[in-house]
Amino acid sequence: IGSGLGEVDFYLASKYSPDITNIDRVERLINDANSRNNNESLKGNINFSYKKHDTSLESFENNSFDIVFIFTYK
């Protein structure tokens, strides 16, 4: 949550085979990350989603994730 351009995710997906779901409130960052995702050669799968107001996990079923990272800026 708060994935931005997904630098950590691209690193993980280049080395390992994870399924990664990203959510951010900044549409431009998600668009840029999706453009990069289409051009990268990755072992894993990354999904970037724009959510303007709701970045909660309520829309996902229980036990959908093994790990959740939340990035905040102050």
Protein backbone atom coordinates (compact mmCIF):
# COMPACT_ATOMS: atom_id res chain seq x y z
CA ILE A 1 0.00 0.00 0.00
CA GLY A 2 1.50 3.31 -1.03
CA SER A 3 3.67 1.51 -3.58
CA GLY A 4 4.65 4.50 -5.67
CA LEU A 5 6.75 3.36 -8.61
CA GLY A 6 7.25 -0.10 -7.11
CA GLU A 7 11.05 -0.16 -6.97
CA VAL A 8 11.15 -2.82 -4.24
CA ASP A 9 8.55 -4.87 -6.11
CA PHE A 10 10.46 -4.78 -9.39
CA TYR A 11 13.60 -5.92 -7.56
CA LEU A 12 11.77 -8.83 -5.87
CA ALA A 13 10.05 -9.87 -9.11
CA SER A 14 13.36 -9.84 -11.00
CA LYS A 15 15.02 -12.19 -8.48
CA TYR A 16 12.11 -14.36 -7.29
CA SER A 17 8.65 -15.43 -8.48
CA PRO A 18 6.23 -13.53 -6.24
CA ASP A 19 2.70 -12.40 -6.97
CA ILE A 20 2.64 -8.77 -5.84
CA THR A 21 -0.38 -6.48 -5.56
CA ASN A 22 0.27 -2.73 -5.25
CA ILE A 23 -2.16 0.03 -4.32
CA ASP A 24 -1.47 3.76 -4.46
CA ARG A 25 -3.53 6.96 -4.36
CA VAL A 26 -1.37 8.76 -6.93
CA GLU A 27 -2.61 7.83 -10.40
CA ARG A 28 0.50 9.11 -12.22
CA LEU A 29 2.74 6.81 -10.17
CA ILE A 30 0.54 3.79 -10.92
CA ASN A 31 0.46 4.65 -14.64
CA ASP A 32 4.25 4.97 -14.74
CA ALA A 33 4.71 1.70 -12.81
CA ASN A 34 2.30 -0.13 -15.15
CA SER A 35 4.22 1.18 -18.18
CA ARG A 36 7.47 -0.08 -16.72
CA ASN A 37 5.83 -3.38 -15.78
CA ASN A 38 4.89 -3.96 -19.43
CA ASN A 39 8.53 -3.51 -20.48
CA GLU A 40 10.36 -5.46 -17.75
CA SER A 41 11.47 -9.07 -17.94
CA LEU A 42 10.33 -10.44 -14.58
CA LYS A 43 10.12 -13.85 -12.94
CA GLY A 44 7.13 -12.81 -10.81
CA ASN A 45 3.84 -11.03 -11.39
CA ILE A 46 3.16 -7.45 -10.31
CA ASN A 47 -0.23 -5.73 -10.36
CA PHE A 48 -0.48 -1.97 -9.77
CA SER A 49 -3.89 -0.53 -8.81
CA TYR A 50 -4.99 3.07 -8.44
CA LYS A 51 -7.45 3.72 -5.61
CA LYS A 52 -8.23 7.39 -5.19
CA HIS A 53 -9.90 7.31 -1.80
CA ASP A 54 -9.80 3.79 -0.41
CA THR A 55 -6.43 2.10 0.06
CA SER A 56 -7.73 -0.32 2.66
CA LEU A 57 -7.65 -4.07 2.26
CA GLU A 58 -11.40 -4.48 2.83
CA SER A 59 -12.01 -5.28 -0.85
CA PHE A 60 -9.80 -8.39 -0.57
CA GLU A 61 -10.77 -11.71 0.96
CA ASN A 62 -9.25 -12.78 4.27
CA ASN A 63 -5.89 -14.52 3.96
CA SER A 64 -5.26 -13.02 0.50
CA PHE A 65 -1.78 -11.82 1.46
CA ASP A 66 1.28 -13.32 3.11
CA ILE A 67 2.87 -9.90 3.81
CA VAL A 68 1.54 -6.32 3.71
CA PHE A 69 3.86 -3.29 3.49
CA ILE A 70 2.46 0.17 4.01
CA PHE A 71 4.62 3.13 3.06
CA THR A 72 3.83 6.50 4.59
CA TYR A 73 5.32 9.92 3.95
CA LYS A 74 5.57 12.64 6.55
